[in-house]
Amino acid sequence: MKGQTYVIIAILFMILVAIFAVTNIESVNVNYFFWKVESPLILVILFSVLMGGIISAAVGMMKMFKMKREIKVLKRENVELAQRIEEKELDNSDIDIINSENGENDANRIN
């Protein structure tokens, strides 16, 4: 359901941008660093929205990959710690068995 909500919002946003761009069709001067170009405002608007989407997607993907890498490291660390805990529990159970056997022997000596 969450994914569908995002798709619906994205479609509504694209419709609003398209309506805004179509209502602004006059030519404007666009200053690039070293030259000027006259182009329709609709192209400037659509190009700006497209570049904003591409940049946002790139930043989001970088963050997602970083988080996946961190999850992989944490899962590996979790497995290692679980193994260490399991080894410690086995060691402690061996000690408990030895202590219980020694306790029985001590009880037999007393009697």
PDB file of N, CA and C in Angstrom:
ATOM      1  N   MET A   1       0.821  -1.190   0.000  1.00  0.00           N
ATOM      2  CA  MET A   1       0.000   0.000   0.000  1.00  0.00           C
ATOM      3  C   MET A   1       0.867   1.258   0.000  1.00  0.00           C
ATOM      4  N   LYS A   2       1.982   1.169   0.706  1.00  0.00           N
ATOM      5  CA  LYS A   2       2.875   2.321   0.805  1.00  0.00           C
ATOM      6  C   LYS A   2       3.446   2.684  -0.563  1.00  0.00           C
ATOM      7  N   GLY A   3       3.821   1.665  -1.350  1.00  0.00           N
ATOM      8  CA  GLY A   3       4.367   1.893  -2.681  1.00  0.00           C
ATOM      9  C   GLY A   3       3.340   2.516  -3.611  1.00  0.00           C
ATOM     10  N   GLN A   4       2.085   2.100  -3.490  1.00  0.00           N
ATOM     11  CA  GLN A   4       1.027   2.658  -4.327  1.00  0.00           C
ATOM     12  C   GLN A   4       0.810   4.131  -4.007  1.00  0.00           C
ATOM     13  N   THR A   5       0.911   4.499  -2.758  1.00  0.00           N
ATOM     14  CA  THR A   5       0.746   5.896  -2.367  1.00  0.00           C
ATOM     15  C   THR A   5       1.815   6.759  -3.022  1.00  0.00           C
ATOM     16  N   TYR A   6       3.051   6.278  -3.024  1.00  0.00           N
ATOM     17  CA  TYR A   6       4.132   7.032  -3.651  1.00  0.00           C
ATOM     18  C   TYR A   6       3.908   7.174  -5.155  1.00  0.00           C
ATOM     19  N   VAL A   7       3.422   6.132  -5.791  1.00  0.00           N
ATOM     20  CA  VAL A   7       3.167   6.189  -7.237  1.00  0.00           C
ATOM     21  C   VAL A   7       2.069   7.203  -7.534  1.00  0.00           C
ATOM     22  N   ILE A   8       1.011   7.190  -6.747  1.00  0.00           N
ATOM     23  CA  ILE A   8      -0.091   8.139  -6.960  1.00  0.00           C
ATOM     24  C   ILE A   8       0.388   9.573  -6.759  1.00  0.00           C
ATOM     25  N   ILE A   9       1.165   9.806  -5.722  1.00  0.00           N
ATOM     26  CA  ILE A   9       1.698  11.154  -5.470  1.00  0.00           C
ATOM     27  C   ILE A   9       2.614  11.583  -6.611  1.00  0.00           C
ATOM     28  N   ALA A  10       3.447  10.668  -7.114  1.00  0.00           N
ATOM     29  CA  ALA A  10       4.348  10.994  -8.220  1.00  0.00           C
ATOM     30  C   ALA A  10       3.558  11.338  -9.485  1.00  0.00           C
ATOM     31  N   ILE A  11       2.506  10.587  -9.757  1.00  0.00           N
ATOM     32  CA  ILE A  11       1.678  10.878 -10.941  1.00  0.00           C
ATOM     33  C   ILE A  11       1.010  12.233 -10.807  1.00  0.00           C
ATOM     34  N   LEU A  12       0.477  12.533  -9.630  1.00  0.00           N
ATOM     35  CA  LEU A  12      -0.151  13.849  -9.410  1.00  0.00           C
ATOM     36  C   LEU A  12       0.869  14.976  -9.581  1.00  0.00           C
ATOM     37  N   PHE A  13       2.075  14.766  -9.074  1.00  0.00           N
ATOM     38  CA  PHE A  13       3.123  15.772  -9.212  1.00  0.00           C
ATOM     39  C   PHE A  13       3.484  15.979 -10.677  1.00  0.00           C
ATOM     40  N   MET A  14       3.592  14.889 -11.434  1.00  0.00           N
ATOM     41  CA  MET A  14       3.916  15.016 -12.864  1.00  0.00           C
ATOM     42  C   MET A  14       2.809  15.750 -13.615  1.00  0.00           C
ATOM     43  N   ILE A  15       1.560  15.490 -13.267  1.00  0.00           N
ATOM     44  CA  ILE A  15       0.446  16.189 -13.913  1.00  0.00           C
ATOM     45  C   ILE A  15       0.501  17.680 -13.605  1.00  0.00           C
ATOM     46  N   LEU A  16       0.774  18.034 -12.352  1.00  0.00           N
ATOM     47  CA  LEU A  16       0.876  19.453 -11.981  1.00  0.00           C
ATOM     48  C   LEU A  16       2.033  20.145 -12.720  1.00  0.00           C
ATOM     49  N   VAL A  17       3.164  19.483 -12.818  1.00  0.00           N
ATOM     50  CA  VAL A  17       4.306  20.055 -13.526  1.00  0.00           C
ATOM     51  C   VAL A  17       3.976  20.227 -15.007  1.00  0.00           C
ATOM     52  N   ALA A  18       3.315  19.236 -15.588  1.00  0.00           N
ATOM     53  CA  ALA A  18       2.949  19.327 -17.010  1.00  0.00           C
ATOM     54  C   ALA A  18       1.991  20.478 -17.252  1.00  0.00           C
ATOM     55  N   ILE A  19       0.998  20.639 -16.399  1.00  0.00           N
ATOM     56  CA  ILE A  19       0.053  21.761 -16.545  1.00  0.00           C
ATOM     57  C   ILE A  19       0.779  23.093 -16.392  1.00  0.00           C
ATOM     58  N   PHE A  20       1.644  23.189 -15.395  1.00  0.00           N
ATOM     59  CA  PHE A  20       2.413  24.416 -15.181  1.00  0.00           C
ATOM     60  C   PHE A  20       3.303  24.721 -16.373  1.00  0.00           C
ATOM     61  N   ALA A  21       3.946  23.695 -16.909  1.00  0.00           N
ATOM     62  CA  ALA A  21       4.850  23.903 -18.044  1.00  0.00           C
ATOM     63  C   ALA A  21       4.078  24.310 -19.291  1.00  0.00           C
ATOM     64  N   VAL A  22       2.943  23.699 -19.547  1.00  0.00           N
ATOM     65  CA  VAL A  22       2.166  24.012 -20.756  1.00  0.00           C
ATOM     66  C   VAL A  22       1.608  25.426 -20.704  1.00  0.00           C
ATOM     67  N   THR A  23       1.291  25.920 -19.517  1.00  0.00           N
ATOM     68  CA  THR A  23       0.770  27.286 -19.423  1.00  0.00           C
ATOM     69  C   THR A  23       1.868  28.332 -19.560  1.00  0.00           C
ATOM     70  N   ASN A  24       3.126  27.928 -19.532  1.00  0.00           N
ATOM     71  CA  ASN A  24       4.259  28.857 -19.666  1.00  0.00           C
ATOM     72  C   ASN A  24       5.052  28.503 -20.926  1.00  0.00           C
ATOM     73  N   ILE A  25       4.564  28.957 -22.068  1.00  0.00           N
ATOM     74  CA  ILE A  25       5.204  28.568 -23.325  1.00  0.00           C
ATOM     75  C   ILE A  25       6.017  29.688 -23.973  1.00  0.00           C
ATOM     76  N   GLU A  26       6.044  30.882 -23.388  1.00  0.00           N
ATOM     77  CA  GLU A  26       6.810  31.974 -23.997  1.00  0.00           C
ATOM     78  C   GLU A  26       8.309  31.712 -23.916  1.00  0.00           C
ATOM     79  N   SER A  27       9.034  32.378 -24.777  1.00  0.00           N
ATOM     80  CA  SER A  27      10.493  32.215 -24.826  1.00  0.00           C
ATOM     81  C   SER A  27      11.163  33.049 -23.755  1.00  0.00           C
ATOM     82  N   VAL A  28      12.227  32.511 -23.198  1.00  0.00           N
ATOM     83  CA  VAL A  28      13.007  33.212 -22.176  1.00  0.00           C
ATOM     84  C   VAL A  28      14.482  33.069 -22.504  1.00  0.00           C
ATOM     85  N   ASN A  29      15.262  34.022 -21.996  1.00  0.00           N
ATOM     86  CA  ASN A  29      16.712  33.935 -22.138  1.00  0.00           C
ATOM     87  C   ASN A  29      17.274  33.145 -20.970  1.00  0.00           C
ATOM     88  N   VAL A  30      18.075  32.158 -21.298  1.00  0.00           N
ATOM     89  CA  VAL A  30      18.716  31.340 -20.270  1.00  0.00           C
ATOM     90  C   VAL A  30      20.205  31.614 -20.349  1.00  0.00           C
ATOM     91  N   ASN A  31      20.771  32.041 -19.213  1.00  0.00           N
ATOM     92  CA  ASN A  31      22.197  32.339 -19.154  1.00  0.00           C
ATOM     93  C   ASN A  31      22.947  31.121 -18.626  1.00  0.00           C
ATOM     94  N   TYR A  32      23.740  30.517 -19.491  1.00  0.00           N
ATOM     95  CA  TYR A  32      24.671  29.495 -19.066  1.00  0.00           C
ATOM     96  C   TYR A  32      25.960  30.223 -18.721  1.00  0.00           C
ATOM     97  N   PHE A  33      26.932  29.556 -18.228  1.00  0.00           N
ATOM     98  CA  PHE A  33      28.118  30.237 -17.724  1.00  0.00           C
ATOM     99  C   PHE A  33      28.739  31.194 -18.742  1.00  0.00           C
ATOM    100  N   PHE A  34      28.873  30.770 -19.977  1.00  0.00           N
ATOM    101  CA  PHE A  34      29.575  31.607 -20.942  1.00  0.00           C
ATOM    102  C   PHE A  34      28.738  31.995 -22.147  1.00  0.00           C
ATOM    103  N   TRP A  35      27.498  31.607 -22.218  1.00  0.00           N
ATOM    104  CA  TRP A  35      26.673  31.973 -23.356  1.00  0.00           C
ATOM    105  C   TRP A  35      25.210  32.100 -22.939  1.00  0.00           C
ATOM    106  N   LYS A  36      24.452  32.781 -23.795  1.00  0.00           N
ATOM    107  CA  LYS A  36      23.019  32.957 -23.594  1.00  0.00           C
ATOM    108  C   LYS A  36      22.278  32.189 -24.672  1.00  0.00           C
ATOM    109  N   VAL A  37      21.156  31.595 -24.278  1.00  0.00           N
ATOM    110  CA  VAL A  37      20.327  30.863 -25.226  1.00  0.00           C
ATOM    111  C   VAL A  37      18.886  31.261 -24.980  1.00  0.00           C
ATOM    112  N   GLU A  38      18.154  31.474 -26.043  1.00  0.00           N
ATOM    113  CA  GLU A  38      16.730  31.730 -25.914  1.00  0.00           C
ATOM    114  C   GLU A  38      16.000  30.421 -26.188  1.00  0.00           C
ATOM    115  N   SER A  39      15.190  30.006 -25.218  1.00  0.00           N
ATOM    116  CA  SER A  39      14.451  28.750 -25.383  1.00  0.00           C
ATOM    117  C   SER A  39      13.073  28.898 -24.745  1.00  0.00           C
ATOM    118  N   PRO A  40      12.138  28.063 -25.146  1.00  0.00           N
ATOM    119  CA  PRO A  40      10.799  28.128 -24.549  1.00  0.00           C
ATOM    120  C   PRO A  40      10.843  27.774 -23.055  1.00  0.00           C
ATOM    121  N   LEU A  41      10.053  28.465 -22.284  1.00  0.00           N
ATOM    122  CA  LEU A  41      10.030  28.255 -20.834  1.00  0.00           C
ATOM    123  C   LEU A  41       9.595  26.832 -20.490  1.00  0.00           C
ATOM    124  N   ILE A  42       8.757  26.245 -21.305  1.00  0.00           N
ATOM    125  CA  ILE A  42       8.313  24.874 -21.061  1.00  0.00           C
ATOM    126  C   ILE A  42       9.507  23.912 -21.023  1.00  0.00           C
ATOM    127  N   LEU A  43      10.479  24.106 -21.928  1.00  0.00           N
ATOM    128  CA  LEU A  43      11.665  23.245 -21.935  1.00  0.00           C
ATOM    129  C   LEU A  43      12.532  23.482 -20.710  1.00  0.00           C
ATOM    130  N   VAL A  44      12.644  24.732 -20.299  1.00  0.00           N
ATOM    131  CA  VAL A  44      13.441  25.055 -19.112  1.00  0.00           C
ATOM    132  C   VAL A  44      12.822  24.406 -17.878  1.00  0.00           C
ATOM    133  N   ILE A  45      11.496  24.503 -17.758  1.00  0.00           N
ATOM    134  CA  ILE A  45      10.808  23.913 -16.604  1.00  0.00           C
ATOM    135  C   ILE A  45      10.963  22.393 -16.600  1.00  0.00           C
ATOM    136  N   LEU A  46      10.686  21.762 -17.729  1.00  0.00           N
ATOM    137  CA  LEU A  46      10.757  20.307 -17.797  1.00  0.00           C
ATOM    138  C   LEU A  46      12.184  19.805 -17.576  1.00  0.00           C
ATOM    139  N   PHE A  47      13.166  20.502 -18.144  1.00  0.00           N
ATOM    140  CA  PHE A  47      14.560  20.109 -17.944  1.00  0.00           C
ATOM    141  C   PHE A  47      14.961  20.245 -16.473  1.00  0.00           C
ATOM    142  N   SER A  48      14.507  21.313 -15.833  1.00  0.00           N
ATOM    143  CA  SER A  48      14.828  21.524 -14.410  1.00  0.00           C
ATOM    144  C   SER A  48      14.225  20.431 -13.544  1.00  0.00           C
ATOM    145  N   VAL A  49      12.959  20.082 -13.821  1.00  0.00           N
ATOM    146  CA  VAL A  49      12.316  19.018 -13.051  1.00  0.00           C
ATOM    147  C   VAL A  49      13.031  17.688 -13.284  1.00  0.00           C
ATOM    148  N   LEU A  50      13.379  17.407 -14.528  1.00  0.00           N
ATOM    149  CA  LEU A  50      14.082  16.164 -14.854  1.00  0.00           C
ATOM    150  C   LEU A  50      15.429  16.085 -14.132  1.00  0.00           C
ATOM    151  N   MET A  51      16.193  17.157 -14.168  1.00  0.00           N
ATOM    152  CA  MET A  51      17.499  17.150 -13.497  1.00  0.00           C
ATOM    153  C   MET A  51      17.346  17.012 -11.981  1.00  0.00           C
ATOM    154  N   GLY A  52      16.326  17.677 -11.409  1.00  0.00           N
ATOM    155  CA  GLY A  52      16.079  17.537  -9.971  1.00  0.00           C
ATOM    156  C   GLY A  52      15.743  16.105  -9.601  1.00  0.00           C
ATOM    157  N   GLY A  53      14.929  15.442 -10.436  1.00  0.00           N
ATOM    158  CA  GLY A  53      14.586  14.049 -10.193  1.00  0.00           C
ATOM    159  C   GLY A  53      15.795  13.141 -10.293  1.00  0.00           C
ATOM    160  N   ILE A  54      16.628  13.372 -11.295  1.00  0.00           N
ATOM    161  CA  ILE A  54      17.830  12.542 -11.480  1.00  0.00           C
ATOM    162  C   ILE A  54      18.793  12.712 -10.304  1.00  0.00           C
ATOM    163  N   ILE A  55      19.001  13.950  -9.887  1.00  0.00           N
ATOM    164  CA  ILE A  55      19.913  14.208  -8.763  1.00  0.00           C
ATOM    165  C   ILE A  55      19.363  13.593  -7.473  1.00  0.00           C
ATOM    166  N   SER A  56      18.056  13.751  -7.233  1.00  0.00           N
ATOM    167  CA  SER A  56      17.443  13.170  -6.029  1.00  0.00           C
ATOM    168  C   SER A  56      17.553  11.649  -6.036  1.00  0.00           C
ATOM    169  N   ALA A  57      17.307  11.040  -7.200  1.00  0.00           N
ATOM    170  CA  ALA A  57      17.405   9.582  -7.310  1.00  0.00           C
ATOM    171  C   ALA A  57      18.836   9.108  -7.062  1.00  0.00           C
ATOM    172  N   ALA A  58      19.810   9.846  -7.594  1.00  0.00           N
ATOM    173  CA  ALA A  58      21.215   9.453  -7.407  1.00  0.00           C
ATOM    174  C   ALA A  58      21.613   9.526  -5.937  1.00  0.00           C
ATOM    175  N   VAL A  59      21.211  10.589  -5.266  1.00  0.00           N
ATOM    176  CA  VAL A  59      21.537  10.728  -3.843  1.00  0.00           C
ATOM    177  C   VAL A  59      20.835   9.639  -3.035  1.00  0.00           C
ATOM    178  N   GLY A  60      19.573   9.371  -3.355  1.00  0.00           N
ATOM    179  CA  GLY A  60      18.834   8.321  -2.656  1.00  0.00           C
ATOM    180  C   GLY A  60      19.452   6.953  -2.858  1.00  0.00           C
ATOM    181  N   MET A  61      19.900   6.664  -4.080  1.00  0.00           N
ATOM    182  CA  MET A  61      20.526   5.364  -4.351  1.00  0.00           C
ATOM    183  C   MET A  61      21.842   5.225  -3.603  1.00  0.00           C
ATOM    184  N   MET A  62      22.628   6.310  -3.547  1.00  0.00           N
ATOM    185  CA  MET A  62      23.886   6.252  -2.796  1.00  0.00           C
ATOM    186  C   MET A  62      23.613   5.959  -1.328  1.00  0.00           C
ATOM    187  N   LYS A  63      22.604   6.618  -0.771  1.00  0.00           N
ATOM    188  CA  LYS A  63      22.257   6.391   0.630  1.00  0.00           C
ATOM    189  C   LYS A  63      21.770   4.958   0.833  1.00  0.00           C
ATOM    190  N   MET A  64      20.967   4.446  -0.111  1.00  0.00           N
ATOM    191  CA  MET A  64      20.455   3.088  -0.012  1.00  0.00           C
ATOM    192  C   MET A  64      21.594   2.067  -0.059  1.00  0.00           C
ATOM    193  N   PHE A  65      22.553   2.244  -0.983  1.00  0.00           N
ATOM    194  CA  PHE A  65      23.685   1.323  -1.069  1.00  0.00           C
ATOM    195  C   PHE A  65      24.527   1.364   0.197  1.00  0.00           C
ATOM    196  N   LYS A  66      24.700   2.557   0.755  1.00  0.00           N
ATOM    197  CA  LYS A  66      25.466   2.689   1.992  1.00  0.00           C
ATOM    198  C   LYS A  66      24.769   1.944   3.133  1.00  0.00           C
ATOM    199  N   MET A  67      23.448   2.079   3.198  1.00  0.00           N
ATOM    200  CA  MET A  67      22.699   1.406   4.251  1.00  0.00           C
ATOM    201  C   MET A  67      22.713  -0.108   4.064  1.00  0.00           C
ATOM    202  N   LYS A  68      22.639  -0.591   2.817  1.00  0.00           N
ATOM    203  CA  LYS A  68      22.711  -2.031   2.567  1.00  0.00           C
ATOM    204  C   LYS A  68      24.061  -2.580   2.988  1.00  0.00           C
ATOM    205  N   ARG A  69      25.123  -1.842   2.698  1.00  0.00           N
ATOM    206  CA  ARG A  69      26.457  -2.279   3.091  1.00  0.00           C
ATOM    207  C   ARG A  69      26.563  -2.339   4.617  1.00  0.00           C
ATOM    208  N   GLU A  70      26.008  -1.345   5.283  1.00  0.00           N
ATOM    209  CA  GLU A  70      26.043  -1.313   6.743  1.00  0.00           C
ATOM    210  C   GLU A  70      25.233  -2.473   7.325  1.00  0.00           C
ATOM    211  N   ILE A  71      24.092  -2.783   6.717  1.00  0.00           N
ATOM    212  CA  ILE A  71      23.274  -3.904   7.181  1.00  0.00           C
ATOM    213  C   ILE A  71      24.042  -5.210   7.035  1.00  0.00           C
ATOM    214  N   LYS A  72      24.741  -5.374   5.906  1.00  0.00           N
ATOM    215  CA  LYS A  72      25.516  -6.596   5.682  1.00  0.00           C
ATOM    216  C   LYS A  72      26.600  -6.748   6.752  1.00  0.00           C
ATOM    217  N   VAL A  73      27.284  -5.655   7.072  1.00  0.00           N
ATOM    218  CA  VAL A  73      28.333  -5.701   8.102  1.00  0.00           C
ATOM    219  C   VAL A  73      27.729  -6.028   9.459  1.00  0.00           C
ATOM    220  N   LEU A  74      26.592  -5.418   9.788  1.00  0.00           N
ATOM    221  CA  LEU A  74      25.965  -5.660  11.085  1.00  0.00           C
ATOM    222  C   LEU A  74      25.433  -7.090  11.203  1.00  0.00           C
ATOM    223  N   LYS A  75      24.907  -7.649  10.105  1.00  0.00           N
ATOM    224  CA  LYS A  75      24.443  -9.031  10.133  1.00  0.00           C
ATOM    225  C   LYS A  75      25.614  -9.981  10.367  1.00  0.00           C
ATOM    226  N   ARG A  76      26.727  -9.723   9.690  1.00  0.00           N
ATOM    227  CA  ARG A  76      27.911 -10.556   9.875  1.00  0.00           C
ATOM    228  C   ARG A  76      28.382 -10.473  11.329  1.00  0.00           C
ATOM    229  N   GLU A  77      28.399  -9.271  11.890  1.00  0.00           N
ATOM    230  CA  GLU A  77      28.814  -9.082  13.271  1.00  0.00           C
ATOM    231  C   GLU A  77      27.841  -9.784  14.223  1.00  0.00           C
ATOM    232  N   ASN A  78      26.561  -9.740  13.896  1.00  0.00           N
ATOM    233  CA  ASN A  78      25.551 -10.397  14.719  1.00  0.00           C
ATOM    234  C   ASN A  78      25.759 -11.908  14.738  1.00  0.00           C
ATOM    235  N   VAL A  79      26.052 -12.489  13.590  1.00  0.00           N
ATOM    236  CA  VAL A  79      26.299 -13.930  13.516  1.00  0.00           C
ATOM    237  C   VAL A  79      27.532 -14.300  14.342  1.00  0.00           C
ATOM    238  N   GLU A  80      28.584 -13.500  14.216  1.00  0.00           N
ATOM    239  CA  GLU A  80      29.811 -13.776  14.973  1.00  0.00           C
ATOM    240  C   GLU A  80      29.555 -13.703  16.481  1.00  0.00           C
ATOM    241  N   LEU A  81      28.797 -12.693  16.900  1.00  0.00           N
ATOM    242  CA  LEU A  81      28.504 -12.554  18.329  1.00  0.00           C
ATOM    243  C   LEU A  81      27.613 -13.687  18.822  1.00  0.00           C
ATOM    244  N   ALA A  82      26.656 -14.125  17.992  1.00  0.00           N
ATOM    245  CA  ALA A  82      25.796 -15.242  18.376  1.00  0.00           C
ATOM    246  C   ALA A  82      26.617 -16.517  18.535  1.00  0.00           C
ATOM    247  N   GLN A  83      27.596 -16.712  17.659  1.00  0.00           N
ATOM    248  CA  GLN A  83      28.465 -17.886  17.782  1.00  0.00           C
ATOM    249  C   GLN A  83      29.297 -17.821  19.054  1.00  0.00           C
ATOM    250  N   ARG A  84      29.795 -16.642  19.359  1.00  0.00           N
ATOM    251  CA  ARG A  84      30.583 -16.485  20.586  1.00  0.00           C
ATOM    252  C   ARG A  84      29.730 -16.749  21.820  1.00  0.00           C
ATOM    253  N   ILE A  85      28.483 -16.278  21.792  1.00  0.00           N
ATOM    254  CA  ILE A  85      27.583 -16.520  22.926  1.00  0.00           C
ATOM    255  C   ILE A  85      27.302 -18.009  23.056  1.00  0.00           C
ATOM    256  N   GLU A  86      27.061 -18.666  21.928  1.00  0.00           N
ATOM    257  CA  GLU A  86      26.796 -20.102  21.947  1.00  0.00           C
ATOM    258  C   GLU A  86      27.993 -20.864  22.508  1.00  0.00           C
ATOM    259  N   GLU A  87      29.201 -20.476  22.118  1.00  0.00           N
ATOM    260  CA  GLU A  87      30.408 -21.119  22.642  1.00  0.00           C
ATOM    261  C   GLU A  87      30.524 -20.899  24.144  1.00  0.00           C
ATOM    262  N   LYS A  88      30.218 -19.695  24.597  1.00  0.00           N
ATOM    263  CA  LYS A  88      30.291 -19.392  26.033  1.00  0.00           C
ATOM    264  C   LYS A  88      29.266 -20.211  26.800  1.00  0.00           C
ATOM    265  N   GLU A  89      28.054 -20.367  26.246  1.00  0.00           N
ATOM    266  CA  GLU A  89      27.025 -21.154  26.919  1.00  0.00           C
ATOM    267  C   GLU A  89      27.455 -22.616  27.000  1.00  0.00           C
ATOM    268  N   LEU A  90      28.074 -23.126  25.941  1.00  0.00           N
ATOM    269  CA  LEU A  90      28.562 -24.501  25.976  1.00  0.00           C
ATOM    270  C   LEU A  90      29.648 -24.650  27.033  1.00  0.00           C
ATOM    271  N   ASP A  91      30.552 -23.677  27.083  1.00  0.00           N
ATOM    272  CA  ASP A  91      31.610 -23.712  28.094  1.00  0.00           C
ATOM    273  C   ASP A  91      31.009 -23.670  29.500  1.00  0.00           C
ATOM    274  N   ASN A  92      30.015 -22.818  29.705  1.00  0.00           N
ATOM    275  CA  ASN A  92      29.380 -22.700  31.019  1.00  0.00           C
ATOM    276  C   ASN A  92      28.624 -23.972  31.383  1.00  0.00           C
ATOM    277  N   SER A  93      27.993 -24.619  30.427  1.00  0.00           N
ATOM    278  CA  SER A  93      27.271 -25.868  30.739  1.00  0.00           C
ATOM    279  C   SER A  93      28.262 -26.970  31.107  1.00  0.00           C
ATOM    280  N   ASP A  94      29.429 -26.989  30.462  1.00  0.00           N
ATOM    281  CA  ASP A  94      30.454 -27.968  30.823  1.00  0.00           C
ATOM    282  C   ASP A  94      30.925 -27.732  32.256  1.00  0.00           C
ATOM    283  N   ILE A  95      31.092 -26.468  32.601  1.00  0.00           N
ATOM    284  CA  ILE A  95      31.536 -26.132  33.957  1.00  0.00           C
ATOM    285  C   ILE A  95      30.473 -26.525  34.965  1.00  0.00           C
ATOM    286  N   ASP A  96      29.199 -26.304  34.638  1.00  0.00           N
ATOM    287  CA  ASP A  96      28.111 -26.674  35.541  1.00  0.00           C
ATOM    288  C   ASP A  96      28.070 -28.187  35.752  1.00  0.00           C
ATOM    289  N   ILE A  97      28.295 -28.940  34.670  1.00  0.00           N
ATOM    290  CA  ILE A  97      28.299 -30.401  34.788  1.00  0.00           C
ATOM    291  C   ILE A  97      29.440 -30.845  35.699  1.00  0.00           C
ATOM    292  N   ILE A  98      30.601 -30.263  35.501  1.00  0.00           N
ATOM    293  CA  ILE A  98      31.764 -30.614  36.324  1.00  0.00           C
ATOM    294  C   ILE A  98      31.505 -30.246  37.783  1.00  0.00           C
ATOM    295  N   ASN A  99      30.924 -29.071  38.013  1.00  0.00           N
ATOM    296  CA  ASN A  99      30.635 -28.643  39.383  1.00  0.00           C
ATOM    297  C   ASN A  99      29.610 -29.566  40.030  1.00  0.00           C
ATOM    298  N   SER A 100      28.597 -29.957  39.277  1.00  0.00           N
ATOM    299  CA  SER A 100      27.585 -30.842  39.860  1.00  0.00           C
ATOM    300  C   SER A 100      28.189 -32.205  40.174  1.00  0.00           C
ATOM    301  N   GLU A 101      29.087 -32.710  39.327  1.00  0.00           N
ATOM    302  CA  GLU A 101      29.750 -33.988  39.607  1.00  0.00           C
ATOM    303  C   GLU A 101      30.642 -33.873  40.828  1.00  0.00           C
ATOM    304  N   ASN A 102      31.351 -32.757  40.936  1.00  0.00           N
ATOM    305  CA  ASN A 102      32.217 -32.562  42.106  1.00  0.00           C
ATOM    306  C   ASN A 102      31.389 -32.406  43.370  1.00  0.00           C
ATOM    307  N   GLY A 103      30.261 -31.786  43.259  1.00  0.00           N
ATOM    308  CA  GLY A 103      29.379 -31.619  44.414  1.00  0.00           C
ATOM    309  C   GLY A 103      28.865 -32.944  44.912  1.00  0.00           C
ATOM    310  N   GLU A 104      28.540 -33.872  44.016  1.00  0.00           N
ATOM    311  CA  GLU A 104      28.078 -35.204  44.420  1.00  0.00           C
ATOM    312  C   GLU A 104      29.205 -35.960  45.103  1.00  0.00           C
ATOM    313  N   ASN A 105      30.409 -35.820  44.568  1.00  0.00           N
ATOM    314  CA  ASN A 105      31.553 -36.512  45.183  1.00  0.00           C
ATOM    315  C   ASN A 105      31.829 -35.961  46.577  1.00  0.00           C
ATOM    316  N   ASP A 106      31.701 -34.645  46.736  1.00  0.00           N
ATOM    317  CA  ASP A 106      31.911 -34.056  48.041  1.00  0.00           C
ATOM    318  C   ASP A 106      30.845 -34.529  49.012  1.00  0.00           C
ATOM    319  N   ALA A 107      29.611 -34.656  48.540  1.00  0.00           N
ATOM    320  CA  ALA A 107      28.522 -35.103  49.402  1.00  0.00           C
ATOM    321  C   ALA A 107      28.761 -36.558  49.824  1.00  0.00           C
ATOM    322  N   ASN A 108      29.294 -37.372  48.895  1.00  0.00           N
ATOM    323  CA  ASN A 108      29.574 -38.770  49.234  1.00  0.00           C
ATOM    324  C   ASN A 108      30.719 -38.855  50.234  1.00  0.00           C
ATOM    325  N   ARG A 109      31.667 -37.978  50.165  1.00  0.00           N
ATOM    326  CA  ARG A 109      32.793 -38.000  51.104  1.00  0.00           C
ATOM    327  C   ARG A 109      32.334 -37.658  52.510  1.00  0.00           C
ATOM    328  N   ILE A 110      31.395 -36.728  52.592  1.00  0.00           N
ATOM    329  CA  ILE A 110      30.917 -36.295  53.903  1.00  0.00           C
ATOM    330  C   ILE A 110      30.179 -37.430  54.584  1.00  0.00           C
ATOM    331  N   ASN A 111      29.389 -38.175  53.817  1.00  0.00           N
ATOM    332  CA  ASN A 111      28.612 -39.280  54.421  1.00  0.00           C
ATOM    333  C   ASN A 111      29.536 -40.403  54.689  1.00  0.00           C
TER     334      ASN A 111
END
